[in-house]
Protein backbone atom coordinates (compact mmCIF):
# COMPACT_ATOMS: atom_id res chain seq x y z
CA MET A 1 2.95 8.24 -16.72
CA LYS A 2 1.15 8.01 -13.39
CA ARG A 3 2.36 9.27 -10.03
CA ILE A 4 1.25 7.01 -7.14
CA GLY A 5 0.97 7.65 -3.40
CA LEU A 6 1.14 4.41 -1.39
CA ILE A 7 0.04 4.05 2.23
CA SER A 8 -0.86 1.29 4.66
CA ASP A 9 -1.78 0.61 8.26
CA THR A 10 -3.31 3.97 9.11
CA HIS A 11 -5.39 2.35 11.88
CA SER A 12 -7.92 5.23 11.79
CA TYR A 13 -5.21 7.92 11.84
CA MET A 14 -4.81 10.71 9.30
CA ASP A 15 -2.98 14.01 9.51
CA ASP A 16 -1.74 16.87 7.36
CA ALA A 17 1.74 15.33 7.18
CA ILE A 18 0.27 12.45 5.18
CA LEU A 19 -2.09 14.54 3.08
CA LYS A 20 0.51 17.07 1.94
CA TYR A 21 2.60 14.36 0.25
CA PHE A 22 -0.39 13.11 -1.73
CA THR A 23 -1.61 16.44 -3.14
CA GLU A 24 0.18 15.98 -6.47
CA VAL A 25 -0.33 12.27 -7.20
CA ASP A 26 -2.57 10.75 -9.87
CA GLU A 27 -3.77 7.89 -7.65
CA ILE A 28 -3.55 6.85 -3.99
CA TRP A 29 -3.31 3.19 -3.01
CA HIS A 30 -4.03 1.99 0.54
CA ALA A 31 -2.79 -1.51 1.44
CA GLY A 32 -5.19 -2.17 4.31
CA ASP A 33 -5.81 -1.69 8.02
CA ILE A 34 -7.66 1.49 7.20
CA GLY A 35 -9.45 1.68 10.55
CA LYS A 36 -12.33 3.95 9.63
CA LEU A 37 -13.82 5.16 6.37
CA GLU A 38 -13.05 8.80 7.17
CA VAL A 39 -9.42 7.96 6.36
CA THR A 40 -10.21 6.78 2.84
CA ASP A 41 -12.73 9.61 2.39
CA GLN A 42 -9.96 12.15 3.03
CA LEU A 43 -7.57 10.38 0.66
CA ALA A 44 -10.22 10.12 -2.07
CA GLU A 45 -10.67 13.91 -1.94
CA LEU A 46 -7.08 14.27 -3.16
CA ALA A 47 -6.96 11.67 -5.95
CA PRO A 48 -8.68 8.51 -7.18
CA LEU A 49 -8.27 5.81 -4.52
CA ARG A 50 -7.66 2.06 -4.73
CA ALA A 51 -7.71 0.25 -1.39
CA VAL A 52 -7.99 -3.17 0.18
CA TYR A 53 -9.26 -4.08 3.61
CA GLY A 54 -6.98 -5.38 6.32
CA ASN A 55 -7.36 -7.66 9.30
CA ILE A 56 -8.52 -4.86 11.65
CA ASP A 57 -11.09 -3.45 9.25
CA ASN A 58 -14.79 -3.77 10.08
CA THR A 59 -17.62 -4.95 7.85
CA ALA A 60 -18.33 -1.42 6.57
CA ILE A 61 -14.79 -1.16 5.23
CA GLN A 62 -14.94 -4.71 3.89
CA ALA A 63 -18.14 -3.81 2.04
CA GLU A 64 -16.41 -0.78 0.48
CA PHE A 65 -13.07 -2.35 -0.46
CA PRO A 66 -12.01 -5.85 -1.57
CA GLU A 67 -9.37 -8.14 -0.07
CA HIS A 68 -7.33 -7.97 -3.29
CA GLN A 69 -6.89 -5.39 -6.02
CA LEU A 70 -5.51 -6.77 -9.29
CA PHE A 71 -5.20 -4.32 -12.17
CA ASP A 72 -3.04 -3.05 -15.01
CA ILE A 73 -1.81 0.52 -15.06
CA GLU A 74 0.60 2.15 -17.49
CA GLY A 75 1.69 -1.27 -18.78
CA LEU A 76 2.32 -2.78 -15.33
CA LYS A 77 0.28 -5.51 -13.64
CA VAL A 78 -0.25 -4.68 -9.96
CA TRP A 79 -1.55 -6.76 -7.07
CA ILE A 80 -2.39 -5.11 -3.73
CA THR A 81 -3.42 -7.13 -0.67
CA HIS A 82 -2.99 -6.60 3.05
CA ILE A 83 -1.35 -9.79 4.33
CA GLY A 84 1.11 -10.99 1.71
CA GLY A 85 4.39 -11.96 3.31
CA TYR A 86 7.79 -11.30 1.78
CA PRO A 87 9.97 -12.71 -0.99
CA GLY A 88 11.01 -16.21 0.03
CA LYS A 89 8.38 -16.19 2.82
CA TYR A 90 5.02 -15.96 1.08
CA PRO A 91 2.11 -18.00 2.46
CA ALA A 92 1.03 -20.85 0.13
CA ARG A 93 -2.13 -19.06 -1.05
CA ILE A 94 -0.10 -15.97 -2.00
CA ARG A 95 2.51 -18.07 -3.87
CA LYS A 96 -0.28 -19.73 -5.82
CA MET A 97 -1.73 -16.35 -6.86
CA LEU A 98 1.71 -14.95 -7.71
CA GLU A 99 2.26 -17.91 -10.02
CA SER A 100 -1.13 -17.58 -11.71
CA GLU A 101 -1.43 -13.77 -11.88
CA GLN A 102 2.26 -12.88 -12.45
CA PRO A 103 2.16 -9.24 -11.31
CA GLY A 104 5.15 -6.99 -11.90
CA LEU A 105 4.42 -5.13 -8.65
CA PHE A 106 3.22 -6.81 -5.46
CA ILE A 107 2.11 -4.54 -2.60
CA CYS A 108 1.07 -5.50 0.90
CA GLY A 109 0.95 -4.00 4.37
CA HIS A 110 0.31 -5.65 7.74
CA SER A 111 3.84 -5.98 9.15
CA HIS A 112 4.39 -2.22 9.65
CA ILE A 113 7.89 -2.84 8.24
CA LEU A 114 8.87 -0.67 5.29
CA THR A 115 10.24 -2.90 2.53
CA VAL A 116 11.13 -2.29 -1.10
CA MET A 117 12.83 -5.29 -2.66
CA PRO A 118 12.97 -7.21 -5.92
CA ASP A 119 11.75 -10.79 -5.96
CA LYS A 120 13.80 -12.61 -8.57
CA GLU A 121 11.81 -15.84 -8.25
CA TYR A 122 8.54 -14.17 -9.31
CA GLN A 123 10.13 -11.37 -11.38
CA LEU A 124 8.42 -8.56 -9.48
CA LEU A 125 9.03 -5.66 -7.17
CA HIS A 126 7.67 -6.15 -3.65
CA ILE A 127 6.67 -3.03 -1.68
CA ASN A 128 5.35 -2.71 1.84
CA PRO A 129 5.02 1.01 2.64
CA GLY A 130 5.29 0.43 6.38
CA ALA A 131 2.73 2.06 8.66
CA ALA A 132 1.41 5.62 8.48
CA GLY A 133 -0.67 5.38 11.64
CA LYS A 134 0.21 5.63 15.30
CA VAL A 135 -0.85 2.11 16.36
CA GLY A 136 1.76 -0.65 16.33
CA TYR A 137 5.36 -1.26 17.22
CA HIS A 138 6.97 0.68 14.37
CA LYS A 139 9.01 3.68 15.45
CA ILE A 140 8.82 5.83 12.31
CA ARG A 141 5.65 6.44 10.30
CA THR A 142 6.24 5.97 6.55
CA ILE A 143 4.57 6.24 3.14
CA VAL A 144 5.91 5.75 -0.39
CA ARG A 145 5.55 7.65 -3.66
CA PHE A 146 6.61 6.52 -7.12
CA SER A 147 5.84 6.84 -10.81
CA ILE A 148 4.83 4.17 -13.29
CA ASP A 149 5.82 4.83 -16.87
CA GLN A 150 5.57 2.30 -19.69
CA GLY A 151 5.56 -0.64 -17.29
CA ARG A 152 8.49 0.62 -15.23
CA ILE A 153 8.61 1.98 -11.69
CA LYS A 154 10.56 5.22 -11.45
CA ASP A 155 11.34 7.97 -8.98
CA LEU A 156 10.51 5.89 -5.91
CA GLU A 157 10.59 7.88 -2.67
CA VAL A 158 10.33 6.63 0.89
CA ILE A 159 8.88 9.39 3.05
CA GLU A 160 9.34 9.42 6.80
CA LEU A 161 6.50 11.19 8.58
CA GLY A 162 8.12 11.32 12.00
CA ARG A 163 8.05 9.21 15.12
CA ARG A 164 4.97 7.15 15.87
CA GLY A 165 4.53 8.76 19.29
CA ALA A 166 1.70 8.06 21.64
CA LEU A 167 -1.98 8.28 20.82
């Protein structure tokens, strides 16, 4: 069993409220719009990190992290990308990859809208952890934690970090 901390859209922002929830996870996954490498450096101090770059990320971040992460963990195939859409509203290039790769868990960021929903068409769970940073139109900063055990997602928690506030 692996315990996962999932975050997206930090936009260069990190604080103790985020870090405290990731102290007891086995891996941390960042779904893009990192902002600056200091964010991922702090996360990687807590647990092994998997991340993808987002549309705001500079060439240094793009050199460090790929656009897509596709991997198997604990019997579950996972795909993480930044701009992925939603069930029933995936862009054509995402649909094509969903059909060919057939992940059981599809994770993206970008919209700043927290979403956890099954996709019956592609037989997967879609998760967007919302936005943990202070840039954007979201009102509440969010992250997600869950466990993966024998190919199943368990103990999923949505964590509200408080109001976005002003920078």
